[in-house]
């Protein structure tokens, strides 16, 4: 864990979102989040709150289980990688087309 990482008590998160701590544990077991132990207390890195809130909405509002959330997270990561690749290729194509115009 980086020294600059801000931590939020897991109990605070659970109380705020009305979820059981076992849900956080299942996300950790699935490799979707990290839970840090400091002096026998569980904490969540602030940097993963956005993803955790998304997983919580899927679980709480749409009643999707951890396995489903894991599959959705994988698909979202894959979609982001494809979008990044598309942006990169579009940028390369623009450079290529600009070079072609200079040749004429």
C-alpha atoms as a PDB file:
ATOM      1  CA  UNK A   1       0.000   0.000   0.000  1.00  0.00           C
ATOM      2  CA  UNK A   2       1.320   3.437  -0.877  1.00  0.00           C
ATOM      3  CA  UNK A   3       1.974   5.869   1.936  1.00  0.00           C
ATOM      4  CA  UNK A   4      -0.275   8.520   0.331  1.00  0.00           C
ATOM      5  CA  UNK A   5      -3.312   6.228   0.155  1.00  0.00           C
ATOM      6  CA  UNK A   6      -6.223   7.516   2.209  1.00  0.00           C
ATOM      7  CA  UNK A   7      -8.199   4.818   3.981  1.00  0.00           C
ATOM      8  CA  UNK A   8     -11.874   4.713   4.885  1.00  0.00           C
ATOM      9  CA  UNK A   9     -13.086   2.471   7.705  1.00  0.00           C
ATOM     10  CA  UNK A  10     -14.999  -0.456   6.230  1.00  0.00           C
ATOM     11  CA  UNK A  11     -17.624  -0.159   8.962  1.00  0.00           C
ATOM     12  CA  UNK A  12     -18.297   3.438   7.896  1.00  0.00           C
ATOM     13  CA  UNK A  13     -18.776   2.345   4.282  1.00  0.00           C
ATOM     14  CA  UNK A  14     -21.073  -0.531   5.291  1.00  0.00           C
ATOM     15  CA  UNK A  15     -23.198   1.717   7.507  1.00  0.00           C
ATOM     16  CA  UNK A  16     -23.472   4.436   4.851  1.00  0.00           C
ATOM     17  CA  UNK A  17     -24.517   2.009   2.089  1.00  0.00           C
ATOM     18  CA  UNK A  18     -26.532  -0.365   4.303  1.00  0.00           C
ATOM     19  CA  UNK A  19     -24.543  -3.449   3.337  1.00  0.00           C
ATOM     20  CA  UNK A  20     -23.044  -6.317   5.288  1.00  0.00           C
ATOM     21  CA  UNK A  21     -19.299  -6.576   5.767  1.00  0.00           C
ATOM     22  CA  UNK A  22     -19.506 -10.070   4.254  1.00  0.00           C
ATOM     23  CA  UNK A  23     -20.280  -8.421   0.891  1.00  0.00           C
ATOM     24  CA  UNK A  24     -16.960  -6.572   1.053  1.00  0.00           C
ATOM     25  CA  UNK A  25     -15.216  -9.811   1.965  1.00  0.00           C
ATOM     26  CA  UNK A  26     -16.760 -11.576  -1.029  1.00  0.00           C
ATOM     27  CA  UNK A  27     -15.565  -8.772  -3.325  1.00  0.00           C
ATOM     28  CA  UNK A  28     -12.084  -9.110  -1.862  1.00  0.00           C
ATOM     29  CA  UNK A  29     -12.123 -12.890  -2.351  1.00  0.00           C
ATOM     30  CA  UNK A  30     -13.112 -12.310  -5.989  1.00  0.00           C
ATOM     31  CA  UNK A  31     -10.137  -9.957  -6.375  1.00  0.00           C
ATOM     32  CA  UNK A  32     -12.322  -6.924  -7.071  1.00  0.00           C
ATOM     33  CA  UNK A  33     -11.278  -4.821  -4.065  1.00  0.00           C
ATOM     34  CA  UNK A  34      -8.591  -4.691  -1.426  1.00  0.00           C
ATOM     35  CA  UNK A  35      -9.278  -4.528   2.271  1.00  0.00           C
ATOM     36  CA  UNK A  36      -6.436  -3.425   4.513  1.00  0.00           C
ATOM     37  CA  UNK A  37      -6.140  -4.379   8.146  1.00  0.00           C
ATOM     38  CA  UNK A  38      -4.709  -1.766  10.492  1.00  0.00           C
ATOM     39  CA  UNK A  39      -4.610  -2.659  14.183  1.00  0.00           C
ATOM     40  CA  UNK A  40      -7.360  -5.296  13.730  1.00  0.00           C
ATOM     41  CA  UNK A  41      -9.668  -2.863  11.925  1.00  0.00           C
ATOM     42  CA  UNK A  42     -10.649  -3.106   8.242  1.00  0.00           C
ATOM     43  CA  UNK A  43     -10.111  -0.202   5.866  1.00  0.00           C
ATOM     44  CA  UNK A  44     -10.829   0.493   2.202  1.00  0.00           C
ATOM     45  CA  UNK A  45      -8.537   2.587   0.006  1.00  0.00           C
ATOM     46  CA  UNK A  46     -10.216   5.794  -1.119  1.00  0.00           C
ATOM     47  CA  UNK A  47      -8.906   5.129  -4.640  1.00  0.00           C
ATOM     48  CA  UNK A  48     -11.285   2.192  -5.088  1.00  0.00           C
ATOM     49  CA  UNK A  49     -14.441   3.906  -3.810  1.00  0.00           C
ATOM     50  CA  UNK A  50     -15.780   4.594  -7.291  1.00  0.00           C
ATOM     51  CA  UNK A  51     -15.572   0.928  -8.282  1.00  0.00           C
ATOM     52  CA  UNK A  52     -16.854  -0.192  -4.897  1.00  0.00           C
ATOM     53  CA  UNK A  53     -19.888   2.100  -5.165  1.00  0.00           C
ATOM     54  CA  UNK A  54     -20.602   0.653  -8.604  1.00  0.00           C
ATOM     55  CA  UNK A  55     -20.373  -2.912  -7.243  1.00  0.00           C
ATOM     56  CA  UNK A  56     -22.598  -1.945  -4.317  1.00  0.00           C
ATOM     57  CA  UNK A  57     -25.277  -0.567  -6.652  1.00  0.00           C
ATOM     58  CA  UNK A  58     -25.181  -3.726  -8.755  1.00  0.00           C
ATOM     59  CA  UNK A  59     -25.516  -5.844  -5.630  1.00  0.00           C
ATOM     60  CA  UNK A  60     -27.992  -3.756  -3.677  1.00  0.00           C
ATOM     61  CA  UNK A  61     -30.188  -2.213  -6.385  1.00  0.00           C
ATOM     62  CA  UNK A  62     -30.086  -4.894  -9.080  1.00  0.00           C
ATOM     63  CA  UNK A  63     -29.568  -7.902  -6.773  1.00  0.00           C
ATOM     64  CA  UNK A  64     -26.600  -9.188  -8.775  1.00  0.00           C
ATOM     65  CA  UNK A  65     -24.440 -11.662  -6.869  1.00  0.00           C
ATOM     66  CA  UNK A  66     -20.668 -11.468  -6.517  1.00  0.00           C
ATOM     67  CA  UNK A  67     -20.031 -13.842  -9.436  1.00  0.00           C
ATOM     68  CA  UNK A  68     -22.188 -11.641 -11.665  1.00  0.00           C
ATOM     69  CA  UNK A  69     -20.409  -8.510 -10.453  1.00  0.00           C
ATOM     70  CA  UNK A  70     -17.065 -10.167 -11.185  1.00  0.00           C
ATOM     71  CA  UNK A  71     -18.196 -10.951 -14.753  1.00  0.00           C
ATOM     72  CA  UNK A  72     -19.510  -7.407 -15.274  1.00  0.00           C
ATOM     73  CA  UNK A  73     -16.266  -5.909 -13.927  1.00  0.00           C
ATOM     74  CA  UNK A  74     -14.258  -8.078 -16.326  1.00  0.00           C
ATOM     75  CA  UNK A  75     -16.402  -6.994 -19.273  1.00  0.00           C
ATOM     76  CA  UNK A  76     -16.120  -3.317 -18.282  1.00  0.00           C
ATOM     77  CA  UNK A  77     -12.322  -3.588 -18.034  1.00  0.00           C
ATOM     78  CA  UNK A  78     -12.217  -5.287 -21.436  1.00  0.00           C
ATOM     79  CA  UNK A  79     -14.493  -2.638 -22.954  1.00  0.00           C
ATOM     80  CA  UNK A  80     -12.250   0.126 -21.554  1.00  0.00           C
ATOM     81  CA  UNK A  81      -9.160  -1.570 -22.997  1.00  0.00           C
ATOM     82  CA  UNK A  82     -10.845  -1.767 -26.404  1.00  0.00           C
ATOM     83  CA  UNK A  83     -11.876   1.893 -26.225  1.00  0.00           C
ATOM     84  CA  UNK A  84      -8.310   2.851 -25.318  1.00  0.00           C
ATOM     85  CA  UNK A  85      -7.003   0.816 -28.241  1.00  0.00           C
ATOM     86  CA  UNK A  86      -9.528   2.407 -30.603  1.00  0.00           C
ATOM     87  CA  UNK A  87      -8.488   5.894 -29.486  1.00  0.00           C
ATOM     88  CA  UNK A  88      -4.840   5.016 -30.003  1.00  0.00           C
ATOM     89  CA  UNK A  89      -5.507   3.633 -33.483  1.00  0.00           C
ATOM     90  CA  UNK A  90      -7.590   6.666 -34.440  1.00  0.00           C
ATOM     91  CA  UNK A  91      -4.750   8.909 -33.325  1.00  0.00           C
ATOM     92  CA  UNK A  92      -2.239   6.897 -35.360  1.00  0.00           C
ATOM     93  CA  UNK A  93      -4.552   7.020 -38.397  1.00  0.00           C
ATOM     94  CA  UNK A  94      -4.847  10.799 -38.076  1.00  0.00           C
ATOM     95  CA  UNK A  95      -1.058  11.112 -38.016  1.00  0.00           C
ATOM     96  CA  UNK A  96      -0.783   8.838 -41.037  1.00  0.00           C
ATOM     97  CA  UNK A  97      -3.447  10.764 -42.960  1.00  0.00           C
ATOM     98  CA  UNK A  98      -1.787  14.076 -42.082  1.00  0.00           C
ATOM     99  CA  UNK A  99       1.502  12.713 -43.425  1.00  0.00           C
ATOM    100  CA  UNK A 100      -0.206  11.582 -46.632  1.00  0.00           C
ATOM    101  CA  UNK A 101      -1.586  15.077 -47.227  1.00  0.00           C
ATOM    102  CA  UNK A 102       1.896  16.563 -46.854  1.00  0.00           C
ATOM    103  CA  UNK A 103       3.237  14.210 -49.550  1.00  0.00           C
ATOM    104  CA  UNK A 104       0.783  15.506 -52.157  1.00  0.00           C
END
